[in-house]
């Protein structure tokens, strides 16, 4: 019968602060890319005079202003959030 082998030791490697900063910034950018169109639609629905649905508002903006209009206001929002999220990763 073979002798039981000890489990292999796993070497852990610490992530440097620069890598954490970059990873935090990229995760913030990804989150903003997903949430920005929904936030724009929410704002448009709040400003609308009548009742409208989320999908209807989303389609109206995309048809009338183009798909890129869903990201209006992305740059200032990202400038603030990316730095904030990256800083929290340190």
N, C-alpha and C. Protein backbone atom coordinates (compact mmCIF):
# COMPACT_ATOMS: atom_id res chain seq x y z
N UNK A 1 0.84 -1.15 0.00
CA UNK A 1 0.00 0.00 0.00
C UNK A 1 0.90 1.23 0.00
N UNK A 2 0.60 2.19 -0.86
CA UNK A 2 1.42 3.40 -0.98
C UNK A 2 1.16 4.33 0.20
N UNK A 3 2.22 4.97 0.60
CA UNK A 3 2.10 5.92 1.72
C UNK A 3 1.30 7.13 1.27
N UNK A 4 0.52 7.65 2.19
CA UNK A 4 -0.29 8.83 1.87
C UNK A 4 0.63 10.02 1.66
N UNK A 5 0.37 10.75 0.60
CA UNK A 5 1.18 11.92 0.31
C UNK A 5 0.57 13.15 0.96
N UNK A 6 1.42 13.99 1.43
CA UNK A 6 0.95 15.25 2.02
C UNK A 6 0.44 16.15 0.89
N UNK A 7 -0.60 16.91 1.16
CA UNK A 7 -1.11 17.80 0.10
C UNK A 7 -0.05 18.83 -0.26
N UNK A 8 -0.01 19.16 -1.53
CA UNK A 8 0.97 20.14 -2.00
C UNK A 8 0.68 21.49 -1.38
N UNK A 9 1.73 22.17 -1.00
CA UNK A 9 1.53 23.48 -0.42
C UNK A 9 1.27 24.49 -1.53
N UNK A 10 0.32 25.31 -1.30
CA UNK A 10 -0.03 26.34 -2.26
C UNK A 10 0.71 27.61 -1.90
N UNK A 11 1.43 28.11 -2.86
CA UNK A 11 2.14 29.35 -2.62
C UNK A 11 1.22 30.51 -2.97
N UNK A 12 1.09 31.42 -2.06
CA UNK A 12 0.27 32.59 -2.33
C UNK A 12 1.18 33.75 -2.65
N UNK A 13 0.70 34.58 -3.53
CA UNK A 13 1.48 35.72 -3.94
C UNK A 13 0.67 36.97 -3.64
N UNK A 14 1.28 37.92 -2.99
CA UNK A 14 0.58 39.15 -2.64
C UNK A 14 0.50 40.05 -3.87
N UNK A 15 -0.66 40.65 -4.04
CA UNK A 15 -0.85 41.57 -5.14
C UNK A 15 -0.36 42.95 -4.72
N UNK A 16 0.44 43.56 -5.56
CA UNK A 16 0.99 44.88 -5.26
C UNK A 16 -0.08 45.97 -5.31
N UNK A 17 0.22 47.09 -4.72
CA UNK A 17 -0.73 48.20 -4.68
C UNK A 17 -1.06 48.74 -6.07
N UNK A 18 -0.09 48.76 -6.96
CA UNK A 18 -0.34 49.25 -8.32
C UNK A 18 -1.33 48.35 -9.04
N UNK A 19 -1.16 47.03 -8.88
CA UNK A 19 -2.09 46.10 -9.51
C UNK A 19 -3.49 46.24 -8.92
N UNK A 20 -3.59 46.41 -7.61
CA UNK A 20 -4.89 46.61 -6.97
C UNK A 20 -5.55 47.88 -7.48
N UNK A 21 -4.76 48.92 -7.66
CA UNK A 21 -5.28 50.19 -8.15
C UNK A 21 -5.86 50.02 -9.55
N UNK A 22 -5.12 49.33 -10.43
CA UNK A 22 -5.57 49.11 -11.81
C UNK A 22 -6.80 48.22 -11.84
N UNK A 23 -6.78 47.14 -11.08
CA UNK A 23 -7.92 46.23 -11.04
C UNK A 23 -9.16 46.93 -10.51
N UNK A 24 -9.00 47.73 -9.47
CA UNK A 24 -10.12 48.48 -8.93
C UNK A 24 -10.69 49.46 -9.94
N UNK A 25 -9.80 50.14 -10.66
CA UNK A 25 -10.24 51.09 -11.69
C UNK A 25 -10.98 50.40 -12.82
N UNK A 26 -10.46 49.26 -13.28
CA UNK A 26 -11.11 48.52 -14.36
C UNK A 26 -12.46 47.96 -13.94
N UNK A 27 -12.56 47.50 -12.71
CA UNK A 27 -13.85 46.98 -12.25
C UNK A 27 -14.88 48.10 -12.16
N UNK A 28 -14.43 49.29 -11.75
CA UNK A 28 -15.33 50.44 -11.71
C UNK A 28 -15.80 50.83 -13.10
N UNK A 29 -14.89 50.80 -14.07
CA UNK A 29 -15.27 51.13 -15.44
C UNK A 29 -16.27 50.13 -15.99
N UNK A 30 -16.06 48.86 -15.71
CA UNK A 30 -16.99 47.83 -16.18
C UNK A 30 -18.37 48.01 -15.58
N UNK A 31 -18.42 48.31 -14.30
CA UNK A 31 -19.71 48.51 -13.64
C UNK A 31 -20.43 49.72 -14.21
N UNK A 32 -19.69 50.80 -14.46
CA UNK A 32 -20.31 52.01 -15.00
C UNK A 32 -20.81 51.77 -16.42
N UNK A 33 -20.09 50.97 -17.20
CA UNK A 33 -20.53 50.66 -18.56
C UNK A 33 -21.88 49.93 -18.55
N UNK A 34 -22.11 49.12 -17.56
CA UNK A 34 -23.38 48.38 -17.46
C UNK A 34 -24.49 49.27 -16.92
N UNK A 35 -24.19 50.07 -15.92
CA UNK A 35 -25.21 50.83 -15.21
C UNK A 35 -25.58 52.14 -15.91
N UNK A 36 -24.66 52.76 -16.64
CA UNK A 36 -24.90 54.07 -17.26
C UNK A 36 -26.17 54.11 -18.11
N UNK A 37 -26.39 53.18 -19.04
CA UNK A 37 -27.62 53.26 -19.84
C UNK A 37 -28.89 53.17 -18.97
N UNK A 38 -28.84 52.34 -17.95
CA UNK A 38 -30.01 52.21 -17.08
C UNK A 38 -30.25 53.48 -16.28
N UNK A 39 -29.19 54.13 -15.86
CA UNK A 39 -29.32 55.38 -15.12
C UNK A 39 -29.87 56.48 -16.02
N UNK A 40 -29.42 56.52 -17.27
CA UNK A 40 -29.93 57.50 -18.21
C UNK A 40 -31.42 57.28 -18.45
N UNK A 41 -31.83 56.03 -18.62
CA UNK A 41 -33.24 55.71 -18.83
C UNK A 41 -34.06 56.11 -17.60
N UNK A 42 -33.55 55.83 -16.42
CA UNK A 42 -34.25 56.21 -15.18
C UNK A 42 -34.47 57.72 -15.12
N UNK A 43 -33.43 58.48 -15.47
CA UNK A 43 -33.54 59.94 -15.45
C UNK A 43 -34.56 60.42 -16.48
N UNK A 44 -34.54 59.84 -17.67
CA UNK A 44 -35.51 60.22 -18.70
C UNK A 44 -36.93 59.89 -18.27
N UNK A 45 -37.11 58.77 -17.60
CA UNK A 45 -38.45 58.40 -17.12
C UNK A 45 -38.92 59.37 -16.04
N UNK A 46 -38.02 59.83 -15.19
CA UNK A 46 -38.39 60.78 -14.15
C UNK A 46 -38.78 62.13 -14.74
N UNK A 47 -38.17 62.49 -15.85
CA UNK A 47 -38.46 63.77 -16.48
C UNK A 47 -39.66 63.71 -17.43
N UNK A 48 -40.11 62.51 -17.77
CA UNK A 48 -41.23 62.35 -18.70
C UNK A 48 -42.52 62.86 -18.06
N UNK A 49 -43.39 63.39 -18.90
CA UNK A 49 -44.65 63.92 -18.39
C UNK A 49 -45.69 62.82 -18.19
N UNK A 50 -45.66 61.79 -19.00
CA UNK A 50 -46.62 60.69 -18.87
C UNK A 50 -45.95 59.43 -18.37
N UNK A 51 -46.73 58.39 -18.27
CA UNK A 51 -46.18 57.10 -17.85
C UNK A 51 -45.48 56.44 -19.03
N UNK A 52 -44.38 55.83 -18.75
CA UNK A 52 -43.63 55.12 -19.79
C UNK A 52 -42.88 53.96 -19.15
N UNK A 53 -42.57 52.94 -19.93
CA UNK A 53 -41.86 51.79 -19.40
C UNK A 53 -40.36 51.93 -19.63
N UNK A 54 -39.61 51.13 -18.93
CA UNK A 54 -38.16 51.14 -19.07
C UNK A 54 -37.75 50.76 -20.49
N UNK A 55 -38.33 49.69 -21.00
CA UNK A 55 -37.98 49.21 -22.34
C UNK A 55 -38.38 50.24 -23.40
N UNK A 56 -39.55 50.84 -23.23
CA UNK A 56 -40.01 51.85 -24.18
C UNK A 56 -39.08 53.05 -24.20
N UNK A 57 -38.67 53.50 -23.05
CA UNK A 57 -37.76 54.64 -22.96
C UNK A 57 -36.40 54.29 -23.55
N UNK A 58 -35.90 53.11 -23.25
CA UNK A 58 -34.62 52.65 -23.79
C UNK A 58 -34.66 52.61 -25.32
N UNK A 59 -35.72 52.05 -25.87
CA UNK A 59 -35.84 51.95 -27.33
C UNK A 59 -36.00 53.33 -27.98
N UNK A 60 -36.74 54.22 -27.34
CA UNK A 60 -36.93 55.56 -27.88
C UNK A 60 -35.61 56.31 -27.96
N UNK A 61 -34.83 56.25 -26.89
CA UNK A 61 -33.52 56.92 -26.88
C UNK A 61 -32.63 56.32 -27.96
N UNK A 62 -32.58 54.99 -28.05
CA UNK A 62 -31.72 54.32 -29.03
C UNK A 62 -32.14 54.66 -30.46
N UNK A 63 -33.44 54.71 -30.73
CA UNK A 63 -33.92 55.00 -32.09
C UNK A 63 -33.74 56.46 -32.47
N UNK A 64 -34.12 57.35 -31.58
CA UNK A 64 -34.12 58.77 -31.92
C UNK A 64 -32.75 59.43 -31.80
N UNK A 65 -31.94 58.99 -30.86
CA UNK A 65 -30.66 59.65 -30.62
C UNK A 65 -29.45 58.76 -30.93
N UNK A 66 -29.69 57.51 -31.18
CA UNK A 66 -28.60 56.57 -31.45
C UNK A 66 -28.19 55.83 -30.19
N UNK A 67 -27.61 54.67 -30.37
CA UNK A 67 -27.22 53.83 -29.24
C UNK A 67 -26.17 54.51 -28.37
N UNK A 68 -25.29 55.28 -29.00
CA UNK A 68 -24.25 55.94 -28.22
C UNK A 68 -24.81 56.99 -27.26
N UNK A 69 -26.02 57.47 -27.52
CA UNK A 69 -26.65 58.44 -26.61
C UNK A 69 -26.92 57.83 -25.24
N UNK A 70 -26.98 56.50 -25.16
CA UNK A 70 -27.19 55.84 -23.88
C UNK A 70 -26.00 56.05 -22.94
N UNK A 71 -24.88 56.47 -23.50
CA UNK A 71 -23.68 56.72 -22.70
C UNK A 71 -23.38 58.20 -22.54
N UNK A 72 -24.37 59.07 -22.82
CA UNK A 72 -24.19 60.50 -22.55
C UNK A 72 -23.94 60.68 -21.06
N UNK A 73 -22.91 61.43 -20.72
CA UNK A 73 -22.57 61.65 -19.32
C UNK A 73 -21.65 60.59 -18.74
N UNK A 74 -21.19 59.67 -19.57
CA UNK A 74 -20.33 58.59 -19.08
C UNK A 74 -18.97 59.11 -18.59
N UNK A 75 -18.36 60.01 -19.36
CA UNK A 75 -17.00 60.46 -19.04
C UNK A 75 -16.90 61.12 -17.67
N UNK A 76 -17.75 62.11 -17.35
CA UNK A 76 -17.61 62.71 -16.02
C UNK A 76 -17.91 61.73 -14.89
N UNK A 77 -18.88 60.89 -15.12
CA UNK A 77 -19.22 59.90 -14.10
C UNK A 77 -18.06 58.93 -13.88
N UNK A 78 -17.46 58.50 -14.97
CA UNK A 78 -16.35 57.55 -14.88
C UNK A 78 -15.13 58.19 -14.26
N UNK A 79 -14.88 59.44 -14.58
CA UNK A 79 -13.72 60.13 -14.01
C UNK A 79 -13.81 60.15 -12.48
N UNK A 80 -14.99 60.35 -11.97
CA UNK A 80 -15.17 60.40 -10.52
C UNK A 80 -15.15 58.99 -9.93
N UNK A 81 -15.89 58.08 -10.52
CA UNK A 81 -16.03 56.74 -9.93
C UNK A 81 -14.79 55.88 -10.05
N UNK A 82 -14.10 55.93 -11.17
CA UNK A 82 -12.92 55.06 -11.35
C UNK A 82 -11.86 55.36 -10.30
N UNK A 83 -11.59 56.62 -10.10
CA UNK A 83 -10.61 56.99 -9.08
C UNK A 83 -11.06 56.60 -7.69
N UNK A 84 -12.33 56.78 -7.42
CA UNK A 84 -12.88 56.44 -6.10
C UNK A 84 -12.78 54.95 -5.84
N UNK A 85 -13.17 54.14 -6.83
CA UNK A 85 -13.13 52.67 -6.64
C UNK A 85 -11.70 52.15 -6.58
N UNK A 86 -10.85 52.70 -7.43
CA UNK A 86 -9.46 52.24 -7.42
C UNK A 86 -8.80 52.56 -6.08
N UNK A 87 -9.10 53.71 -5.54
CA UNK A 87 -8.52 54.12 -4.26
C UNK A 87 -8.99 53.18 -3.15
N UNK A 88 -10.20 52.72 -3.21
CA UNK A 88 -10.72 51.83 -2.16
C UNK A 88 -10.06 50.46 -2.17
N UNK A 89 -9.45 50.08 -3.30
CA UNK A 89 -8.80 48.77 -3.41
C UNK A 89 -7.45 48.75 -2.71
N UNK A 90 -6.90 49.90 -2.41
CA UNK A 90 -5.56 49.94 -1.80
C UNK A 90 -5.58 49.50 -0.36
